[in-house]
Protein backbone atom coordinates (compact mmCIF):
# COMPACT_ATOMS: atom_id res chain seq x y z
CA UNK A 1 0.00 0.00 0.00
CA UNK A 2 2.68 2.54 0.98
CA UNK A 3 4.60 1.72 -2.20
CA UNK A 4 1.58 2.84 -4.22
CA UNK A 5 1.41 6.27 -2.60
CA UNK A 6 4.14 7.92 -4.73
CA UNK A 7 2.59 6.40 -7.88
CA UNK A 8 -0.84 7.72 -6.98
CA UNK A 9 0.56 11.14 -6.08
CA UNK A 10 2.26 11.26 -9.49
CA UNK A 11 -1.00 10.20 -11.15
CA UNK A 12 -2.84 13.01 -9.34
CA UNK A 13 -0.23 15.56 -10.41
CA UNK A 14 -0.33 14.41 -14.03
CA UNK A 15 -4.10 13.99 -14.27
CA UNK A 16 -4.86 17.33 -12.63
CA UNK A 17 -1.99 19.16 -14.40
CA UNK A 18 -0.61 20.39 -11.08
CA UNK A 19 2.59 21.86 -12.50
CA UNK A 20 3.80 23.59 -9.34
CA UNK A 21 3.36 20.57 -7.05
CA UNK A 22 5.76 17.66 -6.54
CA UNK A 23 5.14 14.23 -5.04
CA UNK A 24 6.85 15.42 -1.84
CA UNK A 25 4.44 18.36 -1.56
CA UNK A 26 1.43 16.07 -1.16
CA UNK A 27 0.77 14.80 2.36
CA UNK A 28 -0.49 11.20 2.14
CA UNK A 29 -3.01 11.79 4.93
CA UNK A 30 -4.22 15.25 3.86
CA UNK A 31 -7.70 15.53 2.34
CA UNK A 32 -7.78 15.53 -1.44
CA UNK A 33 -10.83 17.78 -1.57
CA UNK A 34 -11.69 21.17 -0.12
CA UNK A 35 -9.02 22.25 2.35
CA UNK A 36 -6.44 19.68 1.22
CA UNK A 37 -5.39 19.70 -2.42
CA UNK A 38 -8.58 21.53 -3.27
CA UNK A 39 -9.86 19.04 -5.82
CA UNK A 40 -13.51 19.21 -6.87
CA UNK A 41 -16.09 16.75 -8.22
CA UNK A 42 -14.89 17.11 -11.83
CA UNK A 43 -11.36 16.35 -10.64
CA UNK A 44 -12.71 13.26 -8.86
CA UNK A 45 -14.23 12.01 -12.11
CA UNK A 46 -10.99 12.57 -14.00
CA UNK A 47 -8.94 10.92 -11.29
CA UNK A 48 -11.38 8.00 -11.12
CA UNK A 49 -10.99 7.44 -14.86
CA UNK A 50 -7.21 7.64 -14.59
CA UNK A 51 -7.23 5.07 -11.75
CA UNK A 52 -9.51 2.80 -13.76
CA UNK A 53 -7.27 3.04 -16.80
CA UNK A 54 -4.02 2.51 -14.91
CA UNK A 55 -5.03 -0.03 -12.24
CA UNK A 56 -8.28 -1.53 -13.54
CA UNK A 57 -10.24 -0.49 -10.43
CA UNK A 58 -13.90 0.41 -10.61
CA UNK A 59 -15.46 3.12 -8.48
CA UNK A 60 -19.16 3.83 -8.01
CA UNK A 61 -19.89 7.35 -9.25
CA UNK A 62 -21.67 8.73 -6.21
CA UNK A 63 -21.46 6.51 -3.16
CA UNK A 64 -20.36 7.16 0.40
CA UNK A 65 -17.83 4.35 0.04
CA UNK A 66 -16.22 6.09 -2.95
CA UNK A 67 -16.01 9.34 -0.97
CA UNK A 68 -14.14 7.44 1.74
CA UNK A 69 -11.69 6.01 -0.83
CA UNK A 70 -11.01 9.53 -2.11
CA UNK A 71 -10.46 10.94 1.39
CA UNK A 72 -6.65 11.00 1.05
CA UNK A 73 -3.79 9.51 -0.94
CA UNK A 74 -3.37 6.88 1.78
CA UNK A 75 -7.05 5.83 1.54
CA UNK A 76 -6.87 5.77 -2.25
CA UNK A 77 -3.70 3.67 -2.14
CA UNK A 78 -5.35 1.16 0.18
CA UNK A 79 -8.35 0.92 -2.14
CA UNK A 80 -6.18 0.42 -5.24
CA UNK A 81 -3.98 -2.16 -3.49
CA UNK A 82 -7.05 -4.17 -2.48
CA UNK A 83 -8.91 -3.91 -5.79
CA UNK A 84 -6.52 -3.56 -8.68
CA UNK A 85 -6.45 -6.01 -11.51
CA UNK A 86 -3.12 -7.80 -11.78
PDB file of N, CA and C in Angstrom:
ATOM      1  N   UNK A   1       0.836  -1.186   0.000  1.00  0.00           N
ATOM      2  CA  UNK A   1       0.000   0.000   0.000  1.00  0.00           C
ATOM      3  C   UNK A   1       0.880   1.249   0.000  1.00  0.00           C
ATOM      4  N   UNK A   2       1.839   1.356   0.907  1.00  0.00           N
ATOM      5  CA  UNK A   2       2.683   2.544   0.976  1.00  0.00           C
ATOM      6  C   UNK A   2       3.498   2.731  -0.294  1.00  0.00           C
ATOM      7  N   UNK A   3       3.847   1.631  -0.957  1.00  0.00           N
ATOM      8  CA  UNK A   3       4.603   1.722  -2.202  1.00  0.00           C
ATOM      9  C   UNK A   3       3.773   2.371  -3.302  1.00  0.00           C
ATOM     10  N   UNK A   4       2.465   2.242  -3.218  1.00  0.00           N
ATOM     11  CA  UNK A   4       1.584   2.837  -4.219  1.00  0.00           C
ATOM     12  C   UNK A   4       1.428   4.348  -4.046  1.00  0.00           C
ATOM     13  N   UNK A   5       1.658   4.857  -2.866  1.00  0.00           N
ATOM     14  CA  UNK A   5       1.409   6.271  -2.602  1.00  0.00           C
ATOM     15  C   UNK A   5       2.154   7.209  -3.551  1.00  0.00           C
ATOM     16  N   UNK A   6       3.464   7.026  -3.774  1.00  0.00           N
ATOM     17  CA  UNK A   6       4.142   7.922  -4.726  1.00  0.00           C
ATOM     18  C   UNK A   6       3.562   7.810  -6.141  1.00  0.00           C
ATOM     19  N   UNK A   7       3.195   6.598  -6.557  1.00  0.00           N
ATOM     20  CA  UNK A   7       2.589   6.405  -7.880  1.00  0.00           C
ATOM     21  C   UNK A   7       1.269   7.161  -7.986  1.00  0.00           C
ATOM     22  N   UNK A   8       0.463   7.061  -6.959  1.00  0.00           N
ATOM     23  CA  UNK A   8      -0.843   7.721  -6.978  1.00  0.00           C
ATOM     24  C   UNK A   8      -0.670   9.238  -6.896  1.00  0.00           C
ATOM     25  N   UNK A   9       0.285   9.700  -6.125  1.00  0.00           N
ATOM     26  CA  UNK A   9       0.564  11.140  -6.078  1.00  0.00           C
ATOM     27  C   UNK A   9       0.967  11.638  -7.467  1.00  0.00           C
ATOM     28  N   UNK A  10       1.820  10.885  -8.141  1.00  0.00           N
ATOM     29  CA  UNK A  10       2.258  11.260  -9.490  1.00  0.00           C
ATOM     30  C   UNK A  10       1.073  11.245 -10.459  1.00  0.00           C
ATOM     31  N   UNK A  11       0.195  10.273 -10.312  1.00  0.00           N
ATOM     32  CA  UNK A  11      -0.998  10.204 -11.153  1.00  0.00           C
ATOM     33  C   UNK A  11      -1.900  11.417 -10.912  1.00  0.00           C
ATOM     34  N   UNK A  12      -2.043  11.817  -9.670  1.00  0.00           N
ATOM     35  CA  UNK A  12      -2.844  13.005  -9.338  1.00  0.00           C
ATOM     36  C   UNK A  12      -2.228  14.246  -9.983  1.00  0.00           C
ATOM     37  N   UNK A  13      -0.926  14.399  -9.845  1.00  0.00           N
ATOM     38  CA  UNK A  13      -0.232  15.560 -10.405  1.00  0.00           C
ATOM     39  C   UNK A  13      -0.402  15.602 -11.923  1.00  0.00           C
ATOM     40  N   UNK A  14      -0.214  14.479 -12.575  1.00  0.00           N
ATOM     41  CA  UNK A  14      -0.327  14.412 -14.025  1.00  0.00           C
ATOM     42  C   UNK A  14      -1.759  14.623 -14.491  1.00  0.00           C
ATOM     43  N   UNK A  15      -2.696  13.916 -13.869  1.00  0.00           N
ATOM     44  CA  UNK A  15      -4.101  13.992 -14.271  1.00  0.00           C
ATOM     45  C   UNK A  15      -4.677  15.385 -14.059  1.00  0.00           C
ATOM     46  N   UNK A  16      -4.312  16.014 -12.964  1.00  0.00           N
ATOM     47  CA  UNK A  16      -4.860  17.334 -12.628  1.00  0.00           C
ATOM     48  C   UNK A  16      -4.006  18.486 -13.164  1.00  0.00           C
ATOM     49  N   UNK A  17      -2.912  18.150 -13.860  1.00  0.00           N
ATOM     50  CA  UNK A  17      -1.987  19.164 -14.399  1.00  0.00           C
ATOM     51  C   UNK A  17      -1.526  20.142 -13.320  1.00  0.00           C
ATOM     52  N   UNK A  18      -1.092  19.587 -12.200  1.00  0.00           N
ATOM     53  CA  UNK A  18      -0.606  20.394 -11.075  1.00  0.00           C
ATOM     54  C   UNK A  18       0.888  20.658 -11.263  1.00  0.00           C
ATOM     55  N   UNK A  19       1.205  21.621 -12.094  1.00  0.00           N
ATOM     56  CA  UNK A  19       2.588  21.863 -12.503  1.00  0.00           C
ATOM     57  C   UNK A  19       3.501  22.336 -11.389  1.00  0.00           C
ATOM     58  N   UNK A  20       2.969  23.031 -10.403  1.00  0.00           N
ATOM     59  CA  UNK A  20       3.800  23.591  -9.340  1.00  0.00           C
ATOM     60  C   UNK A  20       3.881  22.703  -8.102  1.00  0.00           C
ATOM     61  N   UNK A  21       3.379  21.475  -8.199  1.00  0.00           N
ATOM     62  CA  UNK A  21       3.361  20.570  -7.048  1.00  0.00           C
ATOM     63  C   UNK A  21       4.189  19.328  -7.373  1.00  0.00           C
ATOM     64  N   UNK A  22       4.982  18.886  -6.382  1.00  0.00           N
ATOM     65  CA  UNK A  22       5.755  17.656  -6.536  1.00  0.00           C
ATOM     66  C   UNK A  22       5.148  16.573  -5.647  1.00  0.00           C
ATOM     67  N   UNK A  23       5.594  15.359  -5.853  1.00  0.00           N
ATOM     68  CA  UNK A  23       5.139  14.228  -5.039  1.00  0.00           C
ATOM     69  C   UNK A  23       5.374  14.517  -3.559  1.00  0.00           C
ATOM     70  N   UNK A  24       6.514  15.118  -3.235  1.00  0.00           N
ATOM     71  CA  UNK A  24       6.852  15.416  -1.840  1.00  0.00           C
ATOM     72  C   UNK A  24       5.956  16.487  -1.225  1.00  0.00           C
ATOM     73  N   UNK A  25       5.318  17.300  -2.060  1.00  0.00           N
ATOM     74  CA  UNK A  25       4.436  18.360  -1.559  1.00  0.00           C
ATOM     75  C   UNK A  25       3.087  17.828  -1.081  1.00  0.00           C
ATOM     76  N   UNK A  26       2.742  16.628  -1.496  1.00  0.00           N
ATOM     77  CA  UNK A  26       1.425  16.073  -1.159  1.00  0.00           C
ATOM     78  C   UNK A  26       1.538  15.196   0.080  1.00  0.00           C
ATOM     79  N   UNK A  27       0.821  15.572   1.121  1.00  0.00           N
ATOM     80  CA  UNK A  27       0.769  14.797   2.365  1.00  0.00           C
ATOM     81  C   UNK A  27      -0.177  13.612   2.134  1.00  0.00           C
ATOM     82  N   UNK A  28       0.299  12.415   2.394  1.00  0.00           N
ATOM     83  CA  UNK A  28      -0.492  11.201   2.144  1.00  0.00           C
ATOM     84  C   UNK A  28      -1.783  11.143   2.950  1.00  0.00           C
ATOM     85  N   UNK A  29      -1.818  11.840   4.082  1.00  0.00           N
ATOM     86  CA  UNK A  29      -3.010  11.788   4.926  1.00  0.00           C
ATOM     87  C   UNK A  29      -3.878  13.040   4.812  1.00  0.00           C
ATOM     88  N   UNK A  30      -3.439  14.020   4.033  1.00  0.00           N
ATOM     89  CA  UNK A  30      -4.219  15.250   3.858  1.00  0.00           C
ATOM     90  C   UNK A  30      -5.430  14.988   2.961  1.00  0.00           C
ATOM     91  N   UNK A  31      -6.514  15.690   3.199  1.00  0.00           N
ATOM     92  CA  UNK A  31      -7.695  15.535   2.344  1.00  0.00           C
ATOM     93  C   UNK A  31      -7.374  15.920   0.900  1.00  0.00           C
ATOM     94  N   UNK A  32      -7.969  15.198  -0.036  1.00  0.00           N
ATOM     95  CA  UNK A  32      -7.780  15.529  -1.444  1.00  0.00           C
ATOM     96  C   UNK A  32      -8.708  16.657  -1.876  1.00  0.00           C
ATOM     97  N   UNK A  33      -9.828  16.796  -1.185  1.00  0.00           N
ATOM     98  CA  UNK A  33     -10.834  17.779  -1.569  1.00  0.00           C
ATOM     99  C   UNK A  33     -10.917  18.893  -0.540  1.00  0.00           C
ATOM    100  N   UNK A  34     -11.498  19.994  -0.968  1.00  0.00           N
ATOM    101  CA  UNK A  34     -11.695  21.170  -0.118  1.00  0.00           C
ATOM    102  C   UNK A  34     -10.382  21.698   0.429  1.00  0.00           C
ATOM    103  N   UNK A  35     -10.178  21.612   1.742  1.00  0.00           N
ATOM    104  CA  UNK A  35      -9.017  22.252   2.348  1.00  0.00           C
ATOM    105  C   UNK A  35      -7.688  21.578   2.036  1.00  0.00           C
ATOM    106  N   UNK A  36      -7.692  20.370   1.550  1.00  0.00           N
ATOM    107  CA  UNK A  36      -6.443  19.680   1.222  1.00  0.00           C
ATOM    108  C   UNK A  36      -5.884  20.175  -0.100  1.00  0.00           C
ATOM    109  N   UNK A  37      -5.871  19.317  -1.092  1.00  0.00           N
ATOM    110  CA  UNK A  37      -5.391  19.704  -2.419  1.00  0.00           C
ATOM    111  C   UNK A  37      -6.378  20.611  -3.146  1.00  0.00           C
ATOM    112  N   UNK A  38      -7.592  20.652  -2.653  1.00  0.00           N
ATOM    113  CA  UNK A  38      -8.585  21.529  -3.266  1.00  0.00           C
ATOM    114  C   UNK A  38      -9.231  20.961  -4.514  1.00  0.00           C
ATOM    115  N   UNK A  39      -9.225  19.653  -4.660  1.00  0.00           N
ATOM    116  CA  UNK A  39      -9.864  19.040  -5.819  1.00  0.00           C
ATOM    117  C   UNK A  39     -11.378  19.188  -5.714  1.00  0.00           C
ATOM    118  N   UNK A  40     -12.052  19.114  -6.859  1.00  0.00           N
ATOM    119  CA  UNK A  40     -13.511  19.209  -6.866  1.00  0.00           C
ATOM    120  C   UNK A  40     -14.113  17.954  -7.516  1.00  0.00           C
ATOM    121  N   UNK A  41     -15.413  17.947  -7.711  1.00  0.00           N
ATOM    122  CA  UNK A  41     -16.093  16.753  -8.219  1.00  0.00           C
ATOM    123  C   UNK A  41     -15.662  16.400  -9.644  1.00  0.00           C
ATOM    124  N   UNK A  42     -15.380  17.386 -10.466  1.00  0.00           N
ATOM    125  CA  UNK A  42     -14.893  17.112 -11.826  1.00  0.00           C
ATOM    126  C   UNK A  42     -13.514  16.462 -11.746  1.00  0.00           C
ATOM    127  N   UNK A  43     -12.671  16.958 -10.849  1.00  0.00           N
ATOM    128  CA  UNK A  43     -11.357  16.351 -10.642  1.00  0.00           C
ATOM    129  C   UNK A  43     -11.501  14.898 -10.197  1.00  0.00           C
ATOM    130  N   UNK A  44     -12.481  14.637  -9.342  1.00  0.00           N
ATOM    131  CA  UNK A  44     -12.711  13.265  -8.862  1.00  0.00           C
ATOM    132  C   UNK A  44     -13.059  12.342 -10.021  1.00  0.00           C
ATOM    133  N   UNK A  45     -13.882  12.819 -10.937  1.00  0.00           N
ATOM    134  CA  UNK A  45     -14.235  12.013 -12.111  1.00  0.00           C
ATOM    135  C   UNK A  45     -13.004  11.728 -12.961  1.00  0.00           C
ATOM    136  N   UNK A  46     -12.209  12.753 -13.209  1.00  0.00           N
ATOM    137  CA  UNK A  46     -10.992  12.570 -14.005  1.00  0.00           C
ATOM    138  C   UNK A  46     -10.020  11.619 -13.327  1.00  0.00           C
ATOM    139  N   UNK A  47      -9.849  11.786 -12.033  1.00  0.00           N
ATOM    140  CA  UNK A  47      -8.944  10.921 -11.289  1.00  0.00           C
ATOM    141  C   UNK A  47      -9.471   9.488 -11.258  1.00  0.00           C
ATOM    142  N   UNK A  48     -10.773   9.334 -11.091  1.00  0.00           N
ATOM    143  CA  UNK A  48     -11.379   8.000 -11.117  1.00  0.00           C
ATOM    144  C   UNK A  48     -11.129   7.296 -12.438  1.00  0.00           C
ATOM    145  N   UNK A  49     -11.263   8.030 -13.539  1.00  0.00           N
ATOM    146  CA  UNK A  49     -10.994   7.445 -14.861  1.00  0.00           C
ATOM    147  C   UNK A  49      -9.524   7.070 -15.015  1.00  0.00           C
ATOM    148  N   UNK A  50      -8.640   7.926 -14.518  1.00  0.00           N
ATOM    149  CA  UNK A  50      -7.208   7.637 -14.589  1.00  0.00           C
ATOM    150  C   UNK A  50      -6.856   6.389 -13.769  1.00  0.00           C
ATOM    151  N   UNK A  51      -7.466   6.263 -12.594  1.00  0.00           N
ATOM    152  CA  UNK A  51      -7.232   5.073 -11.751  1.00  0.00           C
ATOM    153  C   UNK A  51      -7.767   3.822 -12.429  1.00  0.00           C
ATOM    154  N   UNK A  52      -8.929   3.942 -13.059  1.00  0.00           N
ATOM    155  CA  UNK A  52      -9.510   2.799 -13.759  1.00  0.00           C
ATOM    156  C   UNK A  52      -8.621   2.368 -14.916  1.00  0.00           C
ATOM    157  N   UNK A  53      -8.123   3.328 -15.653  1.00  0.00           N
ATOM    158  CA  UNK A  53      -7.267   3.040 -16.801  1.00  0.00           C
ATOM    159  C   UNK A  53      -5.946   2.413 -16.379  1.00  0.00           C
ATOM    160  N   UNK A  54      -5.341   2.965 -15.333  1.00  0.00           N
ATOM    161  CA  UNK A  54      -4.018   2.508 -14.915  1.00  0.00           C
ATOM    162  C   UNK A  54      -4.052   1.214 -14.098  1.00  0.00           C
ATOM    163  N   UNK A  55      -5.019   1.104 -13.175  1.00  0.00           N
ATOM    164  CA  UNK A  55      -5.026  -0.025 -12.241  1.00  0.00           C
ATOM    165  C   UNK A  55      -6.190  -0.990 -12.438  1.00  0.00           C
ATOM    166  N   UNK A  56      -7.140  -0.644 -13.295  1.00  0.00           N
ATOM    167  CA  UNK A  56      -8.276  -1.527 -13.535  1.00  0.00           C
ATOM    168  C   UNK A  56      -9.293  -1.546 -12.406  1.00  0.00           C
ATOM    169  N   UNK A  57      -9.275  -0.543 -11.537  1.00  0.00           N
ATOM    170  CA  UNK A  57     -10.237  -0.490 -10.433  1.00  0.00           C
ATOM    171  C   UNK A  57     -11.522   0.183 -10.901  1.00  0.00           C
ATOM    172  N   UNK A  58     -12.616  -0.186 -10.282  1.00  0.00           N
ATOM    173  CA  UNK A  58     -13.905   0.407 -10.612  1.00  0.00           C
ATOM    174  C   UNK A  58     -14.454   1.099  -9.376  1.00  0.00           C
ATOM    175  N   UNK A  59     -14.899   2.331  -9.569  1.00  0.00           N
ATOM    176  CA  UNK A  59     -15.456   3.123  -8.478  1.00  0.00           C
ATOM    177  C   UNK A  59     -16.892   3.488  -8.811  1.00  0.00           C
ATOM    178  N   UNK A  60     -17.779   3.379  -7.832  1.00  0.00           N
ATOM    179  CA  UNK A  60     -19.156   3.829  -8.014  1.00  0.00           C
ATOM    180  C   UNK A  60     -19.152   5.351  -8.080  1.00  0.00           C
ATOM    181  N   UNK A  61     -19.932   5.903  -8.992  1.00  0.00           N
ATOM    182  CA  UNK A  61     -19.889   7.348  -9.247  1.00  0.00           C
ATOM    183  C   UNK A  61     -20.219   8.193  -8.019  1.00  0.00           C
ATOM    184  N   UNK A  62     -21.259   7.852  -7.299  1.00  0.00           N
ATOM    185  CA  UNK A  62     -21.675   8.727  -6.208  1.00  0.00           C
ATOM    186  C   UNK A  62     -22.103   7.909  -4.992  1.00  0.00           C
ATOM    187  N   UNK A  63     -21.135   7.286  -4.352  1.00  0.00           N
ATOM    188  CA  UNK A  63     -21.461   6.514  -3.155  1.00  0.00           C
ATOM    189  C   UNK A  63     -20.618   7.007  -1.986  1.00  0.00           C
ATOM    190  N   UNK A  64     -21.099   6.773  -0.805  1.00  0.00           N
ATOM    191  CA  UNK A  64     -20.362   7.162   0.401  1.00  0.00           C
ATOM    192  C   UNK A  64     -19.034   6.410   0.468  1.00  0.00           C
ATOM    193  N   UNK A  65     -19.039   5.161   0.029  1.00  0.00           N
ATOM    194  CA  UNK A  65     -17.826   4.354   0.045  1.00  0.00           C
ATOM    195  C   UNK A  65     -16.749   4.981  -0.863  1.00  0.00           C
ATOM    196  N   UNK A  66     -17.159   5.445  -2.034  1.00  0.00           N
ATOM    197  CA  UNK A  66     -16.220   6.092  -2.949  1.00  0.00           C
ATOM    198  C   UNK A  66     -15.657   7.355  -2.326  1.00  0.00           C
ATOM    199  N   UNK A  67     -16.492   8.126  -1.640  1.00  0.00           N
ATOM    200  CA  UNK A  67     -16.009   9.336  -0.966  1.00  0.00           C
ATOM    201  C   UNK A  67     -14.933   8.981   0.062  1.00  0.00           C
ATOM    202  N   UNK A  68     -15.123   7.869   0.749  1.00  0.00           N
ATOM    203  CA  UNK A  68     -14.136   7.444   1.743  1.00  0.00           C
ATOM    204  C   UNK A  68     -12.814   7.058   1.066  1.00  0.00           C
ATOM    205  N   UNK A  69     -12.903   6.396  -0.094  1.00  0.00           N
ATOM    206  CA  UNK A  69     -11.688   6.013  -0.827  1.00  0.00           C
ATOM    207  C   UNK A  69     -10.915   7.234  -1.300  1.00  0.00           C
ATOM    208  N   UNK A  70     -11.630   8.299  -1.626  1.00  0.00           N
ATOM    209  CA  UNK A  70     -11.006   9.527  -2.113  1.00  0.00           C
ATOM    210  C   UNK A  70     -10.660  10.502  -0.984  1.00  0.00           C
ATOM    211  N   UNK A  71     -10.723  10.057   0.248  1.00  0.00           N
ATOM    212  CA  UNK A  71     -10.464  10.944   1.387  1.00  0.00           C
ATOM    213  C   UNK A  71      -9.025  11.463   1.396  1.00  0.00           C
ATOM    214  N   UNK A  72      -8.070  10.618   1.032  1.00  0.00           N
ATOM    215  CA  UNK A  72      -6.651  10.996   1.051  1.00  0.00           C
ATOM    216  C   UNK A  72      -5.887  10.067   0.110  1.00  0.00           C
ATOM    217  N   UNK A  73      -4.642  10.390  -0.127  1.00  0.00           N
ATOM    218  CA  UNK A  73      -3.792   9.511  -0.944  1.00  0.00           C
ATOM    219  C   UNK A  73      -3.654   8.153  -0.266  1.00  0.00           C
ATOM    220  N   UNK A  74      -3.524   8.147   1.055  1.00  0.00           N
ATOM    221  CA  UNK A  74      -3.372   6.880   1.785  1.00  0.00           C
ATOM    222  C   UNK A  74      -4.611   6.008   1.604  1.00  0.00           C
ATOM    223  N   UNK A  75      -5.815   6.592   1.720  1.00  0.00           N
ATOM    224  CA  UNK A  75      -7.053   5.833   1.537  1.00  0.00           C
ATOM    225  C   UNK A  75      -7.172   5.329   0.103  1.00  0.00           C
ATOM    226  N   UNK A  76      -6.809   6.154  -0.841  1.00  0.00           N
ATOM    227  CA  UNK A  76      -6.873   5.775  -2.246  1.00  0.00           C
ATOM    228  C   UNK A  76      -5.886   4.653  -2.543  1.00  0.00           C
ATOM    229  N   UNK A  77      -4.708   4.724  -1.965  1.00  0.00           N
ATOM    230  CA  UNK A  77      -3.697   3.674  -2.143  1.00  0.00           C
ATOM    231  C   UNK A  77      -4.179   2.343  -1.590  1.00  0.00           C
ATOM    232  N   UNK A  78      -4.812   2.380  -0.429  1.00  0.00           N
ATOM    233  CA  UNK A  78      -5.345   1.156   0.180  1.00  0.00           C
ATOM    234  C   UNK A  78      -6.426   0.555  -0.706  1.00  0.00           C
ATOM    235  N   UNK A  79      -7.297   1.402  -1.246  1.00  0.00           N
ATOM    236  CA  UNK A  79      -8.349   0.916  -2.138  1.00  0.00           C
ATOM    237  C   UNK A  79      -7.751   0.275  -3.385  1.00  0.00           C
ATOM    238  N   UNK A  80      -6.802   0.950  -4.017  1.00  0.00           N
ATOM    239  CA  UNK A  80      -6.182   0.423  -5.239  1.00  0.00           C
ATOM    240  C   UNK A  80      -5.459  -0.888  -4.946  1.00  0.00           C
ATOM    241  N   UNK A  81      -4.721  -0.947  -3.844  1.00  0.00           N
ATOM    242  CA  UNK A  81      -3.983  -2.165  -3.487  1.00  0.00           C
ATOM    243  C   UNK A  81      -4.928  -3.341  -3.310  1.00  0.00           C
ATOM    244  N   UNK A  82      -6.089  -3.091  -2.743  1.00  0.00           N
ATOM    245  CA  UNK A  82      -7.053  -4.170  -2.479  1.00  0.00           C
ATOM    246  C   UNK A  82      -7.856  -4.570  -3.709  1.00  0.00           C
ATOM    247  N   UNK A  83      -7.975  -3.666  -4.683  1.00  0.00           N
ATOM    248  CA  UNK A  83      -8.914  -3.912  -5.789  1.00  0.00           C
ATOM    249  C   UNK A  83      -8.318  -3.909  -7.180  1.00  0.00           C
ATOM    250  N   UNK A  84      -7.044  -3.673  -7.310  1.00  0.00           N
ATOM    251  CA  UNK A  84      -6.516  -3.555  -8.680  1.00  0.00           C
ATOM    252  C   UNK A  84      -6.415  -4.902  -9.370  1.00  0.00           C
ATOM    253  N   UNK A  85      -6.555  -4.814 -10.673  1.00  0.00           N
ATOM    254  CA  UNK A  85      -6.448  -6.013 -11.513  1.00  0.00           C
ATOM    255  C   UNK A  85      -4.962  -6.256 -11.787  1.00  0.00           C
ATOM    256  N   UNK A  86      -4.544  -7.475 -11.594  1.00  0.00           N
ATOM    257  CA  UNK A  86      -3.120  -7.802 -11.780  1.00  0.00           C
ATOM    258  C   UNK A  86      -2.772  -7.993 -13.227  1.00  0.00           C
TER     259      UNK A  86
END
